């Protein structure tokens, strides 16, 4: 038999099966009886009467309806569940990636804005250029310390103590730490470490505010 046009999948129940001849009939949901051959049964076993199947309907060369691609309903449902799960995982990864990329831009802009403010304060002679240079230097050093620690973690080598990373952040390297956490995805998931990191930012900003107050009271010479 040769098939022409194949219709969309539908559900039915095997009502008759002649195992010695290798064919049977499926009753559709509308009550029609559709012929099928064992070669179109996709399970690794013989069909059984009463089981629910999913199939497509085609026509043979004489225009009679014939079931094609007959599959167990449980198998199809399992495959659909797996496919839906994969789709949800893929969508979740896309959403997480979009959030991550959005966070990258925000953190990069935050770091650039902070350095921009430092440059503006120095240009207005409210902060020594030496302090600006220090923030840039310690930020770069901190970033590379994070990169070194991540590489050590991947290679099971000696790690940089978290206390060292926090001290660098307190000293002014928190922008470098933020960029490293974002772009290197290092130390970005550990809640305890993140809380301590935010504390180091607060401490450093308090120290910077103190320097600004001293500068406004005694001038740049008082700081230098």
N, C-alpha and C. Protein backbone atom coordinates (compact mmCIF):
# COMPACT_ATOMS: atom_id res chain seq x y z
N UNK A 1 0.83 -1.20 0.00
CA UNK A 1 0.00 0.00 0.00
C UNK A 1 0.86 1.25 0.00
N UNK A 2 0.45 2.26 -0.71
CA UNK A 2 1.14 3.53 -0.67
C UNK A 2 0.20 4.58 -0.14
N UNK A 3 0.70 5.51 0.65
CA UNK A 3 -0.12 6.54 1.26
C UNK A 3 0.06 7.85 0.53
N UNK A 4 -1.02 8.63 0.50
CA UNK A 4 -0.96 9.94 -0.11
C UNK A 4 -0.88 11.00 0.97
N UNK A 5 -1.94 11.75 1.13
CA UNK A 5 -1.93 12.84 2.10
C UNK A 5 -2.13 12.31 3.52
N UNK A 6 -1.30 12.78 4.47
CA UNK A 6 -1.40 12.36 5.86
C UNK A 6 -1.99 13.49 6.69
N UNK A 7 -3.01 13.17 7.49
CA UNK A 7 -3.65 14.18 8.32
C UNK A 7 -2.91 14.30 9.66
N UNK A 8 -3.33 15.26 10.46
CA UNK A 8 -2.70 15.49 11.75
C UNK A 8 -2.98 14.34 12.71
N UNK A 9 -2.18 14.27 13.78
CA UNK A 9 -2.28 13.18 14.74
C UNK A 9 -3.62 13.22 15.47
N UNK A 10 -4.12 12.04 15.81
CA UNK A 10 -5.32 11.93 16.61
C UNK A 10 -5.20 10.73 17.54
N UNK A 11 -6.17 10.59 18.43
CA UNK A 11 -6.11 9.55 19.46
C UNK A 11 -7.20 8.52 19.23
N UNK A 12 -6.91 7.26 19.60
CA UNK A 12 -7.90 6.20 19.44
C UNK A 12 -7.55 4.99 20.28
N UNK A 13 -8.34 3.95 20.15
CA UNK A 13 -8.15 2.72 20.93
C UNK A 13 -8.13 1.51 20.00
N UNK A 14 -7.18 0.63 20.22
CA UNK A 14 -7.11 -0.59 19.41
C UNK A 14 -8.27 -1.51 19.80
N UNK A 15 -9.16 -1.76 18.84
CA UNK A 15 -10.35 -2.59 19.11
C UNK A 15 -10.20 -4.00 18.57
N UNK A 16 -9.44 -4.14 17.50
CA UNK A 16 -9.23 -5.47 16.93
C UNK A 16 -7.76 -5.65 16.57
N UNK A 17 -7.25 -6.84 16.80
CA UNK A 17 -5.87 -7.12 16.42
C UNK A 17 -5.72 -8.60 16.08
N UNK A 18 -5.26 -8.89 14.87
CA UNK A 18 -5.01 -10.26 14.42
C UNK A 18 -3.49 -10.45 14.33
N UNK A 19 -2.95 -11.02 15.38
CA UNK A 19 -1.49 -11.09 15.50
C UNK A 19 -0.88 -11.98 14.42
N UNK A 20 -1.58 -13.04 14.03
CA UNK A 20 -1.02 -13.93 13.03
C UNK A 20 -0.94 -13.28 11.64
N UNK A 21 -1.82 -12.30 11.40
CA UNK A 21 -1.83 -11.61 10.11
C UNK A 21 -1.12 -10.25 10.15
N UNK A 22 -0.86 -9.77 11.38
CA UNK A 22 -0.11 -8.54 11.52
C UNK A 22 -0.86 -7.27 11.20
N UNK A 23 -2.17 -7.28 11.43
CA UNK A 23 -2.92 -6.03 11.25
C UNK A 23 -4.10 -6.00 12.21
N UNK A 24 -4.70 -4.82 12.33
CA UNK A 24 -5.83 -4.65 13.22
C UNK A 24 -6.57 -3.37 12.88
N UNK A 25 -7.46 -2.98 13.82
CA UNK A 25 -8.27 -1.79 13.59
C UNK A 25 -8.29 -0.92 14.86
N UNK A 26 -8.22 0.39 14.62
CA UNK A 26 -8.26 1.37 15.70
C UNK A 26 -9.58 2.11 15.63
N UNK A 27 -10.24 2.22 16.79
CA UNK A 27 -11.47 3.00 16.86
C UNK A 27 -11.11 4.44 17.25
N UNK A 28 -11.47 5.38 16.41
CA UNK A 28 -11.16 6.79 16.67
C UNK A 28 -12.12 7.36 17.70
N UNK A 29 -11.87 8.58 18.13
CA UNK A 29 -12.73 9.24 19.11
C UNK A 29 -14.11 9.55 18.54
N UNK A 30 -14.19 9.56 17.22
CA UNK A 30 -15.50 9.80 16.58
C UNK A 30 -16.23 8.51 16.26
N UNK A 31 -15.63 7.35 16.65
CA UNK A 31 -16.29 6.07 16.44
C UNK A 31 -15.97 5.38 15.14
N UNK A 32 -15.08 5.96 14.33
CA UNK A 32 -14.71 5.34 13.07
C UNK A 32 -13.69 4.23 13.32
N UNK A 33 -13.63 3.27 12.41
CA UNK A 33 -12.69 2.17 12.49
C UNK A 33 -11.64 2.34 11.40
N UNK A 34 -10.37 2.39 11.81
CA UNK A 34 -9.27 2.65 10.89
C UNK A 34 -8.30 1.47 10.90
N UNK A 35 -7.98 0.99 9.73
CA UNK A 35 -7.05 -0.13 9.58
C UNK A 35 -5.62 0.31 9.89
N UNK A 36 -4.81 -0.58 10.49
CA UNK A 36 -3.37 -0.32 10.63
C UNK A 36 -2.60 -1.62 10.53
N UNK A 37 -1.38 -1.51 10.05
CA UNK A 37 -0.50 -2.67 9.89
C UNK A 37 0.58 -2.64 10.96
N UNK A 38 1.09 -3.80 11.32
CA UNK A 38 2.08 -3.89 12.39
C UNK A 38 3.33 -3.08 12.06
N UNK A 39 3.63 -2.92 10.77
CA UNK A 39 4.81 -2.14 10.38
C UNK A 39 4.69 -0.67 10.75
N UNK A 40 3.45 -0.21 10.99
CA UNK A 40 3.24 1.18 11.38
C UNK A 40 3.14 1.35 12.89
N UNK A 41 3.26 0.24 13.63
CA UNK A 41 3.23 0.31 15.09
C UNK A 41 4.65 0.52 15.59
N UNK A 42 4.90 1.68 16.24
CA UNK A 42 6.27 2.11 16.52
C UNK A 42 6.87 1.58 17.82
N UNK A 43 6.11 0.85 18.60
CA UNK A 43 6.66 0.30 19.85
C UNK A 43 7.46 -0.97 19.56
N UNK A 44 8.38 -1.29 20.49
CA UNK A 44 9.21 -2.48 20.34
C UNK A 44 8.50 -3.71 20.90
N UNK A 45 7.27 -3.90 20.49
CA UNK A 45 6.47 -5.05 20.92
C UNK A 45 5.27 -5.15 19.99
N UNK A 46 4.40 -6.13 20.25
CA UNK A 46 3.19 -6.30 19.45
C UNK A 46 2.05 -5.48 20.07
N UNK A 47 1.13 -4.99 19.24
CA UNK A 47 -0.01 -4.24 19.78
C UNK A 47 -0.91 -5.13 20.63
N UNK A 48 -1.68 -4.50 21.52
CA UNK A 48 -2.64 -5.23 22.35
C UNK A 48 -4.01 -4.54 22.27
N UNK A 49 -5.03 -5.34 22.29
CA UNK A 49 -6.40 -4.81 22.23
C UNK A 49 -6.70 -4.01 23.49
N UNK A 50 -7.31 -2.84 23.32
CA UNK A 50 -7.71 -2.02 24.45
C UNK A 50 -6.75 -0.88 24.78
N UNK A 51 -5.55 -0.93 24.23
CA UNK A 51 -4.61 0.15 24.55
C UNK A 51 -4.89 1.40 23.72
N UNK A 52 -4.61 2.54 24.34
CA UNK A 52 -4.84 3.82 23.70
C UNK A 52 -3.59 4.22 22.91
N UNK A 53 -3.80 4.67 21.71
CA UNK A 53 -2.68 5.02 20.83
C UNK A 53 -2.91 6.38 20.19
N UNK A 54 -1.82 6.92 19.67
CA UNK A 54 -1.86 8.17 18.90
C UNK A 54 -1.37 7.84 17.51
N UNK A 55 -2.02 8.38 16.50
CA UNK A 55 -1.67 8.00 15.13
C UNK A 55 -2.06 9.11 14.16
N UNK A 56 -1.55 8.97 12.96
CA UNK A 56 -1.94 9.85 11.87
C UNK A 56 -2.74 9.03 10.88
N UNK A 57 -3.68 9.67 10.18
CA UNK A 57 -4.52 8.97 9.21
C UNK A 57 -4.10 9.37 7.80
N UNK A 58 -3.86 8.35 6.97
CA UNK A 58 -3.54 8.58 5.57
C UNK A 58 -4.50 7.75 4.72
N UNK A 59 -4.34 7.83 3.44
CA UNK A 59 -5.17 7.05 2.53
C UNK A 59 -4.28 6.13 1.70
N UNK A 60 -4.74 4.91 1.50
CA UNK A 60 -3.97 4.02 0.64
C UNK A 60 -4.28 4.35 -0.83
N UNK A 61 -3.74 3.57 -1.76
CA UNK A 61 -3.91 3.89 -3.17
C UNK A 61 -5.33 3.65 -3.68
N UNK A 62 -6.17 3.10 -2.80
CA UNK A 62 -7.57 2.91 -3.16
C UNK A 62 -8.48 3.90 -2.43
N UNK A 63 -7.85 4.85 -1.74
CA UNK A 63 -8.62 5.90 -1.06
C UNK A 63 -9.19 5.51 0.28
N UNK A 64 -8.74 4.38 0.84
CA UNK A 64 -9.24 3.94 2.15
C UNK A 64 -8.36 4.49 3.27
N UNK A 65 -9.02 4.79 4.38
CA UNK A 65 -8.29 5.34 5.53
C UNK A 65 -7.37 4.29 6.13
N UNK A 66 -6.17 4.69 6.52
CA UNK A 66 -5.22 3.78 7.14
C UNK A 66 -4.41 4.55 8.18
N UNK A 67 -4.23 3.94 9.35
CA UNK A 67 -3.47 4.58 10.42
C UNK A 67 -1.98 4.43 10.17
N UNK A 68 -1.25 5.53 10.35
CA UNK A 68 0.20 5.54 10.18
C UNK A 68 0.85 6.08 11.46
N UNK A 69 2.13 5.70 11.64
CA UNK A 69 2.90 6.21 12.77
C UNK A 69 2.15 6.00 14.10
N UNK A 70 1.69 4.78 14.30
CA UNK A 70 0.92 4.45 15.50
C UNK A 70 1.86 4.34 16.70
N UNK A 71 1.57 5.12 17.73
CA UNK A 71 2.43 5.15 18.92
C UNK A 71 1.60 4.99 20.18
N UNK A 72 2.20 4.44 21.21
CA UNK A 72 1.53 4.33 22.50
C UNK A 72 1.27 5.73 23.07
N UNK A 73 0.10 5.94 23.61
CA UNK A 73 -0.24 7.24 24.19
C UNK A 73 0.71 7.59 25.34
N UNK A 74 1.03 6.61 26.19
CA UNK A 74 1.93 6.87 27.33
C UNK A 74 3.30 7.31 26.84
N UNK A 75 3.76 6.69 25.74
CA UNK A 75 5.07 7.06 25.18
C UNK A 75 5.05 8.49 24.65
N UNK A 76 3.98 8.83 23.94
CA UNK A 76 3.85 10.18 23.39
C UNK A 76 3.77 11.22 24.51
N UNK A 77 2.99 10.90 25.55
CA UNK A 77 2.86 11.82 26.68
C UNK A 77 4.20 12.02 27.38
N UNK A 78 4.96 10.92 27.51
CA UNK A 78 6.28 11.02 28.14
C UNK A 78 7.20 11.91 27.32
N UNK A 79 7.19 11.72 25.99
CA UNK A 79 8.01 12.54 25.11
C UNK A 79 7.59 14.00 25.16
N UNK A 80 6.29 14.26 25.21
CA UNK A 80 5.80 15.64 25.28
C UNK A 80 6.21 16.29 26.60
N UNK A 81 6.15 15.50 27.69
CA UNK A 81 6.57 16.03 28.99
C UNK A 81 8.05 16.39 28.96
N UNK A 82 8.86 15.50 28.39
CA UNK A 82 10.29 15.77 28.28
C UNK A 82 10.56 17.00 27.42
N UNK A 83 9.83 17.10 26.31
CA UNK A 83 10.01 18.24 25.41
C UNK A 83 9.61 19.54 26.09
N UNK A 84 8.48 19.52 26.80
CA UNK A 84 8.04 20.72 27.52
C UNK A 84 9.03 21.11 28.60
N UNK A 85 9.60 20.08 29.26
CA UNK A 85 10.60 20.35 30.29
C UNK A 85 11.85 20.99 29.68
N UNK A 86 12.26 20.48 28.53
CA UNK A 86 13.41 21.05 27.83
C UNK A 86 13.14 22.49 27.40
N UNK A 87 11.91 22.74 26.92
CA UNK A 87 11.54 24.10 26.51
C UNK A 87 11.56 25.04 27.70
N UNK A 88 11.02 24.58 28.85
CA UNK A 88 11.03 25.41 30.06
C UNK A 88 12.45 25.70 30.51
N UNK A 89 13.32 24.67 30.46
CA UNK A 89 14.72 24.87 30.84
C UNK A 89 15.40 25.85 29.91
N UNK A 90 15.14 25.71 28.60
CA UNK A 90 15.74 26.61 27.62
C UNK A 90 15.26 28.05 27.83
N UNK A 91 13.97 28.21 28.09
CA UNK A 91 13.43 29.55 28.34
C UNK A 91 13.98 30.13 29.64
N UNK A 92 14.15 29.25 30.64
CA UNK A 92 14.70 29.71 31.92
C UNK A 92 16.14 30.17 31.75
N UNK A 93 16.92 29.39 30.94
CA UNK A 93 18.31 29.78 30.69
C UNK A 93 18.38 31.11 29.93
N UNK A 94 17.47 31.27 28.97
CA UNK A 94 17.44 32.53 28.22
C UNK A 94 17.10 33.70 29.13
N UNK A 95 16.13 33.47 30.04
CA UNK A 95 15.74 34.53 30.98
C UNK A 95 16.89 34.87 31.92
N UNK A 96 17.55 33.83 32.43
CA UNK A 96 18.69 34.05 33.33
C UNK A 96 19.82 34.77 32.61
N UNK A 97 20.06 34.39 31.34
CA UNK A 97 21.11 35.04 30.56
C UNK A 97 20.78 36.50 30.32
N UNK A 98 19.49 36.78 30.03
CA UNK A 98 19.07 38.16 29.80
C UNK A 98 19.24 38.99 31.07
N UNK A 99 18.87 38.40 32.22
CA UNK A 99 19.04 39.10 33.49
C UNK A 99 20.51 39.32 33.79
N UNK A 100 21.33 38.30 33.48
CA UNK A 100 22.76 38.41 33.73
C UNK A 100 23.37 39.53 32.88
N UNK A 101 23.01 39.57 31.60
CA UNK A 101 23.55 40.60 30.71
C UNK A 101 23.08 41.98 31.12
N UNK A 102 21.81 42.07 31.58
CA UNK A 102 21.30 43.35 32.07
C UNK A 102 22.07 43.78 33.31
N UNK A 103 22.34 42.81 34.20
CA UNK A 103 23.12 43.12 35.40
C UNK A 103 24.54 43.53 35.06
N UNK A 104 25.12 42.92 34.03
CA UNK A 104 26.46 43.29 33.59
C UNK A 104 26.52 44.77 33.23
N UNK A 105 25.58 45.21 32.44
CA UNK A 105 25.56 46.60 31.98
C UNK A 105 25.37 47.55 33.16
N UNK A 106 24.45 47.20 34.06
CA UNK A 106 24.18 48.07 35.21
C UNK A 106 25.41 48.20 36.11
N UNK A 107 26.09 47.08 36.36
CA UNK A 107 27.26 47.12 37.24
C UNK A 107 28.42 47.84 36.58
N UNK A 108 28.56 47.64 35.27
CA UNK A 108 29.62 48.34 34.56
C UNK A 108 29.38 49.85 34.58
N UNK A 109 28.14 50.25 34.38
CA UNK A 109 27.79 51.68 34.43
C UNK A 109 27.99 52.24 35.84
N UNK A 110 27.66 51.42 36.85
CA UNK A 110 27.84 51.85 38.23
C UNK A 110 29.31 52.10 38.54
N UNK A 111 30.16 51.14 38.10
CA UNK A 111 31.59 51.31 38.32
C UNK A 111 32.15 52.51 37.58
N UNK A 112 31.72 52.69 36.32
CA UNK A 112 32.19 53.83 35.53
C UNK A 112 31.72 55.13 36.15
N UNK A 113 30.48 55.14 36.67
CA UNK A 113 29.94 56.34 37.31
C UNK A 113 30.75 56.70 38.56
N UNK A 114 31.13 55.67 39.33
CA UNK A 114 31.91 55.94 40.54
C UNK A 114 33.26 56.56 40.20
N UNK A 115 33.96 55.97 39.22
CA UNK A 115 35.24 56.53 38.81
C UNK A 115 35.06 57.92 38.21
N UNK A 116 33.95 58.13 37.52
CA UNK A 116 33.67 59.45 36.97
C UNK A 116 33.50 60.49 38.05
N UNK A 117 32.82 60.11 39.14
CA UNK A 117 32.64 61.03 40.28
C UNK A 117 33.98 61.34 40.93
N UNK A 118 34.83 60.33 41.07
CA UNK A 118 36.16 60.56 41.64
C UNK A 118 36.95 61.55 40.78
N UNK A 119 36.90 61.37 39.47
CA UNK A 119 37.61 62.29 38.56
C UNK A 119 37.06 63.70 38.68
N UNK A 120 35.74 63.82 38.78
CA UNK A 120 35.12 65.14 38.91
C UNK A 120 35.54 65.83 40.21
N UNK A 121 35.54 65.05 41.31
CA UNK A 121 35.95 65.61 42.61
C UNK A 121 37.41 66.05 42.58
N UNK A 122 38.24 65.25 41.91
CA UNK A 122 39.66 65.62 41.81
C UNK A 122 39.82 66.87 40.96
N UNK A 123 39.06 66.96 39.88
CA UNK A 123 39.14 68.14 39.00
C UNK A 123 38.67 69.39 39.73
N UNK A 124 37.75 69.23 40.66
CA UNK A 124 37.25 70.38 41.45
C UNK A 124 38.12 70.62 42.68
N UNK A 125 39.21 69.87 42.77
CA UNK A 125 40.15 69.99 43.89
C UNK A 125 39.51 69.68 45.24
N UNK A 126 38.56 68.80 45.23
CA UNK A 126 37.94 68.35 46.47
C UNK A 126 38.50 67.00 46.92
N UNK A 127 39.33 66.40 46.07
CA UNK A 127 39.94 65.11 46.37
C UNK A 127 41.28 65.04 45.66
N UNK A 128 42.34 64.57 46.33
CA UNK A 128 43.66 64.48 45.69
C UNK A 128 43.65 63.48 44.52
N UNK A 129 44.41 63.79 43.48
CA UNK A 129 44.54 62.88 42.35
C UNK A 129 45.18 61.57 42.77
N UNK A 130 45.99 61.62 43.82
CA UNK A 130 46.64 60.41 44.32
C UNK A 130 45.60 59.37 44.77
N UNK A 131 44.51 59.85 45.37
CA UNK A 131 43.46 58.94 45.82
C UNK A 131 42.73 58.33 44.62
N UNK A 132 42.51 59.14 43.59
CA UNK A 132 41.87 58.64 42.37
C UNK A 132 42.74 57.54 41.76
N UNK A 133 44.04 57.82 41.68
CA UNK A 133 44.97 56.84 41.12
C UNK A 133 44.97 55.56 41.95
N UNK A 134 44.87 55.73 43.27
CA UNK A 134 44.85 54.56 44.15
C UNK A 134 43.61 53.70 43.89
N UNK A 135 42.45 54.34 43.75
CA UNK A 135 41.22 53.59 43.48
C UNK A 135 41.32 52.81 42.17
N UNK A 136 41.91 53.43 41.15
CA UNK A 136 42.05 52.75 39.87
C UNK A 136 43.01 51.57 40.00
N UNK A 137 44.13 51.79 40.67
CA UNK A 137 45.13 50.75 40.83
C UNK A 137 44.60 49.58 41.64
N UNK A 138 44.00 49.87 42.78
CA UNK A 138 43.52 48.79 43.65
C UNK A 138 42.35 48.06 43.01
N UNK A 139 41.57 48.77 42.17
CA UNK A 139 40.48 48.13 41.45
C UNK A 139 41.00 47.11 40.46
N UNK A 140 42.06 47.48 39.73
CA UNK A 140 42.67 46.56 38.76
C UNK A 140 43.28 45.36 39.48
N UNK A 141 43.99 45.63 40.57
CA UNK A 141 44.62 44.55 41.35
C UNK A 141 43.56 43.57 41.86
N UNK A 142 42.47 44.11 42.38
CA UNK A 142 41.40 43.27 42.92
C UNK A 142 40.78 42.40 41.84
N UNK A 143 40.55 42.98 40.66
CA UNK A 143 39.98 42.21 39.56
C UNK A 143 40.88 41.01 39.22
N UNK A 144 42.18 41.26 39.13
CA UNK A 144 43.10 40.18 38.78
C UNK A 144 43.25 39.17 39.91
N UNK A 145 43.06 39.59 41.15
CA UNK A 145 43.08 38.64 42.26
C UNK A 145 41.87 37.70 42.18
N UNK A 146 40.73 38.25 41.80
CA UNK A 146 39.54 37.41 41.60
C UNK A 146 39.78 36.43 40.45
N UNK A 147 40.35 36.92 39.35
CA UNK A 147 40.63 36.08 38.19
C UNK A 147 41.60 34.95 38.57
N UNK A 148 42.61 35.29 39.36
CA UNK A 148 43.59 34.30 39.81
C UNK A 148 42.93 33.26 40.69
N UNK A 149 42.02 33.70 41.57
CA UNK A 149 41.35 32.77 42.47
C UNK A 149 40.41 31.85 41.70
N UNK A 150 39.74 32.38 40.69
CA UNK A 150 38.84 31.53 39.90
C UNK A 150 39.64 30.45 39.16
N UNK A 151 40.75 30.85 38.59
CA UNK A 151 41.59 29.88 37.88
C UNK A 151 42.10 28.81 38.84
N UNK A 152 42.46 29.22 40.05
CA UNK A 152 42.92 28.26 41.05
C UNK A 152 41.81 27.30 41.43
N UNK A 153 40.57 27.82 41.52
CA UNK A 153 39.43 26.96 41.86
C UNK A 153 39.18 25.93 40.76
N UNK A 154 39.32 26.34 39.51
CA UNK A 154 39.10 25.44 38.38
C UNK A 154 40.17 24.36 38.29
N UNK A 155 41.39 24.69 38.74
CA UNK A 155 42.51 23.76 38.64
C UNK A 155 42.85 23.06 39.95
N UNK A 156 41.97 23.25 40.96
CA UNK A 156 42.19 22.65 42.29
C UNK A 156 43.54 23.05 42.88
N UNK A 157 43.88 24.32 42.75
CA UNK A 157 45.13 24.85 43.29
C UNK A 157 44.85 25.67 44.54
N UNK A 158 45.92 26.22 45.11
CA UNK A 158 45.81 26.99 46.34
C UNK A 158 44.97 28.23 46.10
N UNK A 159 43.93 28.43 46.94
CA UNK A 159 42.98 29.52 46.76
C UNK A 159 43.39 30.77 47.52
N UNK A 160 42.95 31.90 47.04
CA UNK A 160 43.14 33.17 47.75
C UNK A 160 42.10 33.24 48.87
N UNK A 161 42.50 33.50 50.10
CA UNK A 161 41.53 33.57 51.21
C UNK A 161 40.47 34.63 50.94
N UNK A 162 39.23 34.34 51.33
CA UNK A 162 38.16 35.31 51.13
C UNK A 162 38.43 36.59 51.91
N UNK A 163 39.09 36.47 53.05
CA UNK A 163 39.41 37.67 53.84
C UNK A 163 40.30 38.61 53.05
N UNK A 164 41.22 38.06 52.25
CA UNK A 164 42.10 38.90 51.42
C UNK A 164 41.29 39.66 50.38
N UNK A 165 40.34 38.98 49.75
CA UNK A 165 39.50 39.63 48.75
C UNK A 165 38.66 40.74 49.39
N UNK A 166 38.17 40.49 50.60
CA UNK A 166 37.38 41.51 51.29
C UNK A 166 38.24 42.71 51.71
N UNK A 167 39.46 42.45 52.14
CA UNK A 167 40.35 43.55 52.52
C UNK A 167 40.68 44.43 51.31
N UNK A 168 40.88 43.79 50.16
CA UNK A 168 41.12 44.56 48.93
C UNK A 168 39.92 45.42 48.60
N UNK A 169 38.73 44.88 48.82
CA UNK A 169 37.50 45.63 48.56
C UNK A 169 37.38 46.81 49.50
N UNK A 170 37.68 46.60 50.78
CA UNK A 170 37.64 47.69 51.76
C UNK A 170 38.64 48.78 51.39
N UNK A 171 39.79 48.35 50.88
CA UNK A 171 40.85 49.30 50.54
C UNK A 171 40.52 50.14 49.31
N UNK A 172 39.40 49.82 48.64
CA UNK A 172 39.00 50.61 47.48
C UNK A 172 38.84 49.80 46.22
N UNK A 173 39.05 48.51 46.31
CA UNK A 173 38.96 47.68 45.11
C UNK A 173 37.60 47.07 44.87
N UNK A 174 36.57 47.62 45.52
CA UNK A 174 35.24 47.02 45.41
C UNK A 174 34.66 47.09 43.99
N UNK A 175 35.06 48.12 43.22
CA UNK A 175 34.59 48.19 41.84
C UNK A 175 35.19 47.05 41.02
N UNK A 176 36.48 46.81 41.20
CA UNK A 176 37.13 45.69 40.51
C UNK A 176 36.51 44.37 40.92
N UNK A 177 36.17 44.25 42.21
CA UNK A 177 35.52 43.02 42.69
C UNK A 177 34.15 42.86 42.06
N UNK A 178 33.40 43.95 41.94
CA UNK A 178 32.07 43.91 41.35
C UNK A 178 32.13 43.49 39.88
N UNK A 179 33.08 44.04 39.15
CA UNK A 179 33.24 43.69 37.74
C UNK A 179 33.65 42.23 37.60
N UNK A 180 34.55 41.77 38.49
CA UNK A 180 35.00 40.38 38.44
C UNK A 180 33.85 39.42 38.76
N UNK A 181 33.06 39.74 39.76
CA UNK A 181 31.92 38.90 40.12
C UNK A 181 30.93 38.82 38.96
N UNK A 182 30.78 39.92 38.24
CA UNK A 182 29.81 39.97 37.15
C UNK A 182 30.31 39.30 35.89
N UNK A 183 31.50 39.64 35.46
CA UNK A 183 32.00 39.15 34.18
C UNK A 183 32.70 37.80 34.27
N UNK A 184 33.31 37.53 35.42
CA UNK A 184 33.97 36.23 35.59
C UNK A 184 33.04 35.21 36.25
N UNK A 185 31.90 35.70 36.75
CA UNK A 185 30.94 34.84 37.47
C UNK A 185 31.65 34.11 38.61
N UNK A 186 32.45 34.84 39.34
CA UNK A 186 33.19 34.27 40.45
C UNK A 186 32.75 34.94 41.74
N UNK A 187 32.44 34.13 42.74
CA UNK A 187 31.97 34.60 44.04
C UNK A 187 30.66 35.38 43.92
N UNK A 188 29.86 35.06 42.90
CA UNK A 188 28.63 35.82 42.67
C UNK A 188 27.38 35.11 43.18
N UNK A 189 27.51 33.84 43.61
CA UNK A 189 26.35 33.09 44.04
C UNK A 189 26.34 32.81 45.55
N UNK A 190 27.49 32.89 46.18
CA UNK A 190 27.59 32.58 47.60
C UNK A 190 27.02 33.74 48.42
N UNK A 191 25.88 33.51 49.05
CA UNK A 191 25.15 34.58 49.75
C UNK A 191 25.98 35.21 50.87
N UNK A 192 26.65 34.38 51.66
CA UNK A 192 27.44 34.89 52.78
C UNK A 192 28.56 35.81 52.28
N UNK A 193 29.21 35.39 51.21
CA UNK A 193 30.29 36.21 50.65
C UNK A 193 29.74 37.52 50.11
N UNK A 194 28.59 37.46 49.44
CA UNK A 194 27.99 38.66 48.86
C UNK A 194 27.60 39.66 49.95
N UNK A 195 27.07 39.17 51.05
CA UNK A 195 26.69 40.07 52.15
C UNK A 195 27.93 40.77 52.72
N UNK A 196 29.01 40.00 52.88
CA UNK A 196 30.24 40.59 53.38
C UNK A 196 30.81 41.59 52.38
N UNK A 197 30.66 41.28 51.09
CA UNK A 197 31.14 42.20 50.05
C UNK A 197 30.40 43.54 50.15
N UNK A 198 29.09 43.50 50.30
CA UNK A 198 28.32 44.76 50.42
C UNK A 198 28.76 45.54 51.64
N UNK A 199 29.11 44.84 52.71
CA UNK A 199 29.59 45.51 53.92
C UNK A 199 30.92 46.21 53.64
N UNK A 200 31.79 45.57 52.86
CA UNK A 200 33.07 46.20 52.52
C UNK A 200 32.87 47.47 51.71
N UNK A 201 31.86 47.46 50.83
CA UNK A 201 31.55 48.66 50.04
C UNK A 201 31.13 49.79 50.96
N UNK A 202 30.27 49.47 51.92
CA UNK A 202 29.79 50.49 52.86
C UNK A 202 30.96 51.06 53.66
N UNK A 203 31.84 50.17 54.12
CA UNK A 203 32.99 50.62 54.90
C UNK A 203 33.88 51.54 54.06
N UNK A 204 34.15 51.14 52.83
CA UNK A 204 35.01 51.96 51.97
C UNK A 204 34.37 53.30 51.66
N UNK A 205 33.08 53.30 51.37
CA UNK A 205 32.40 54.56 51.06
C UNK A 205 32.38 55.48 52.28
N UNK A 206 32.27 54.90 53.48
CA UNK A 206 32.32 55.70 54.71
C UNK A 206 33.70 56.33 54.85
N UNK A 207 34.75 55.54 54.51
CA UNK A 207 36.11 56.08 54.57
C UNK A 207 36.31 57.20 53.56
N UNK A 208 35.75 57.03 52.37
CA UNK A 208 35.87 58.07 51.34
C UNK A 208 35.14 59.34 51.76
N UNK A 209 33.98 59.17 52.36
CA UNK A 209 33.23 60.33 52.86
C UNK A 209 34.02 61.07 53.93
N UNK A 210 34.69 60.31 54.78
CA UNK A 210 35.53 60.92 55.81
C UNK A 210 36.65 61.75 55.18
N UNK A 211 37.27 61.21 54.12
CA UNK A 211 38.33 61.95 53.43
C UNK A 211 37.80 63.23 52.80
N UNK A 212 36.61 63.15 52.25
CA UNK A 212 36.02 64.33 51.63
C UNK A 212 35.71 65.41 52.67
N UNK A 213 35.24 64.98 53.83
CA UNK A 213 34.96 65.95 54.90
C UNK A 213 36.24 66.60 55.38
N UNK A 214 37.28 65.78 55.55
CA UNK A 214 38.57 66.32 55.97
C UNK A 214 39.13 67.28 54.92
N UNK A 215 38.94 66.94 53.65
CA UNK A 215 39.43 67.80 52.58
C UNK A 215 38.71 69.13 52.58
N UNK A 216 37.42 69.11 52.87
CA UNK A 216 36.65 70.36 52.87
C UNK A 216 36.99 71.21 54.09
N UNK A 217 37.39 70.56 55.16
CA UNK A 217 37.73 71.31 56.37
C UNK A 217 39.14 71.85 56.34
N UNK A 218 40.10 71.03 55.93
CA UNK A 218 41.49 71.44 55.99
C UNK A 218 42.16 71.61 54.65
N UNK A 219 41.44 71.46 53.57
CA UNK A 219 42.06 71.59 52.27
C UNK A 219 42.81 70.34 51.87
N UNK A 220 43.34 70.32 50.69
CA UNK A 220 44.06 69.15 50.18
C UNK A 220 45.33 68.88 50.95
N UNK A 221 45.95 69.92 51.48
CA UNK A 221 47.22 69.74 52.19
C UNK A 221 47.03 68.90 53.45
N UNK A 222 45.82 69.05 54.05
CA UNK A 222 45.54 68.26 55.25
C UNK A 222 45.51 66.79 54.95
N UNK A 223 45.05 66.43 53.76
CA UNK A 223 45.01 65.02 53.39
C UNK A 223 46.38 64.51 52.98
N UNK A 224 47.12 65.31 52.28
CA UNK A 224 48.42 64.89 51.75
C UNK A 224 49.47 64.92 52.85
